[in-house]
């Protein structure tokens, strides 16, 4: 029953992450992928990923969730790489 209740608890977060954020992979639009308590956020731009990360931070404050920034990472896929770009989660730099 616990996994089901967790899914109900974070459903609003997932809905928020996919409305207006995300990117196309083939013909599918994806904003986030969640498995158990792991969350993968997708965006075609650094500003987009920062926006959805900020949205997740606000959700966490309201719903008493805590993100482990030390276990959080960011990866860039593709030819264009931002120079000196930083991503922040709860006022901490994500490496």
Protein backbone atom coordinates (compact mmCIF):
# COMPACT_ATOMS: atom_id res chain seq x y z
CA UNK A 1 0.00 0.00 0.00
CA UNK A 2 2.93 2.35 0.69
CA UNK A 3 4.06 2.71 -2.97
CA UNK A 4 0.47 3.50 -4.00
CA UNK A 5 0.10 6.18 -1.32
CA UNK A 6 3.44 7.72 -2.29
CA UNK A 7 2.25 7.91 -5.92
CA UNK A 8 -0.91 9.70 -4.82
CA UNK A 9 1.20 12.06 -2.70
CA UNK A 10 3.52 13.10 -5.56
CA UNK A 11 0.98 12.98 -8.41
CA UNK A 12 0.49 16.77 -8.27
CA UNK A 13 4.26 17.26 -8.56
CA UNK A 14 4.44 15.04 -11.64
CA UNK A 15 1.50 16.86 -13.25
CA UNK A 16 3.20 20.20 -12.57
CA UNK A 17 6.49 19.00 -14.04
CA UNK A 18 4.94 17.94 -17.33
CA UNK A 19 2.73 20.98 -17.90
CA UNK A 20 4.79 23.37 -20.00
CA UNK A 21 8.16 21.79 -19.26
CA UNK A 22 9.98 18.95 -20.90
CA UNK A 23 11.21 17.93 -24.31
CA UNK A 24 10.42 15.63 -27.17
CA UNK A 25 12.08 12.25 -27.44
CA UNK A 26 11.02 11.03 -30.84
CA UNK A 27 7.32 11.82 -30.99
CA UNK A 28 6.77 11.57 -27.22
CA UNK A 29 6.71 14.64 -24.96
CA UNK A 30 8.32 13.99 -21.58
CA UNK A 31 8.76 16.40 -18.68
CA UNK A 32 9.76 13.99 -15.96
CA UNK A 33 10.22 10.33 -15.29
CA UNK A 34 9.75 9.00 -11.78
CA UNK A 35 10.66 5.58 -10.41
CA UNK A 36 10.11 4.95 -6.71
CA UNK A 37 11.56 8.09 -5.07
CA UNK A 38 13.91 8.99 -7.95
CA UNK A 39 12.95 11.84 -10.26
CA UNK A 40 14.43 12.58 -13.69
CA UNK A 41 13.63 16.06 -15.04
CA UNK A 42 13.96 16.81 -18.76
CA UNK A 43 14.26 20.12 -20.55
CA UNK A 44 15.75 21.37 -23.83
CA UNK A 45 17.31 24.41 -22.11
CA UNK A 46 19.13 25.36 -18.92
CA UNK A 47 16.52 28.00 -18.09
CA UNK A 48 13.77 25.41 -18.56
CA UNK A 49 15.41 22.90 -16.24
CA UNK A 50 15.96 25.67 -13.66
CA UNK A 51 12.27 26.59 -13.88
CA UNK A 52 11.13 23.03 -13.27
CA UNK A 53 13.71 22.60 -10.50
CA UNK A 54 12.34 25.73 -8.81
CA UNK A 55 8.83 24.32 -9.18
CA UNK A 56 10.00 21.12 -7.44
CA UNK A 57 11.55 23.16 -4.62
CA UNK A 58 8.30 25.04 -4.05
CA UNK A 59 6.35 21.77 -4.06
CA UNK A 60 8.77 20.33 -1.50
CA UNK A 61 8.29 23.30 0.85
CA UNK A 62 4.50 23.03 0.74
CA UNK A 63 4.40 19.23 1.09
CA UNK A 64 7.25 18.77 3.61
CA UNK A 65 9.55 16.90 1.20
CA UNK A 66 13.34 17.07 1.29
CA UNK A 67 15.63 16.71 -1.73
CA UNK A 68 19.13 15.40 -1.18
CA UNK A 69 21.18 17.94 -3.12
CA UNK A 70 24.35 15.87 -2.59
CA UNK A 71 22.76 13.01 -4.57
CA UNK A 72 21.41 15.33 -7.27
CA UNK A 73 23.24 15.70 -10.57
CA UNK A 74 22.79 17.36 -13.94
CA UNK A 75 23.76 16.02 -17.36
CA UNK A 76 23.82 17.77 -20.73
CA UNK A 77 23.17 15.68 -23.81
CA UNK A 78 23.89 17.00 -27.29
CA UNK A 79 26.43 19.08 -29.17
CA UNK A 80 25.75 22.45 -27.54
CA UNK A 81 27.05 22.75 -24.01
CA UNK A 82 26.42 25.80 -21.83
CA UNK A 83 29.61 27.48 -20.64
CA UNK A 84 29.90 28.15 -16.89
CA UNK A 85 26.25 27.21 -16.39
CA UNK A 86 25.01 26.42 -12.90
CA UNK A 87 21.81 24.74 -11.79
CA UNK A 88 20.44 25.46 -8.31
CA UNK A 89 18.24 23.33 -6.09
CA UNK A 90 17.11 24.91 -2.85
CA UNK A 91 19.80 27.64 -3.10
CA UNK A 92 22.58 25.03 -3.52
CA UNK A 93 24.57 24.39 -6.69
CA UNK A 94 23.88 21.06 -8.39
CA UNK A 95 27.07 19.45 -9.71
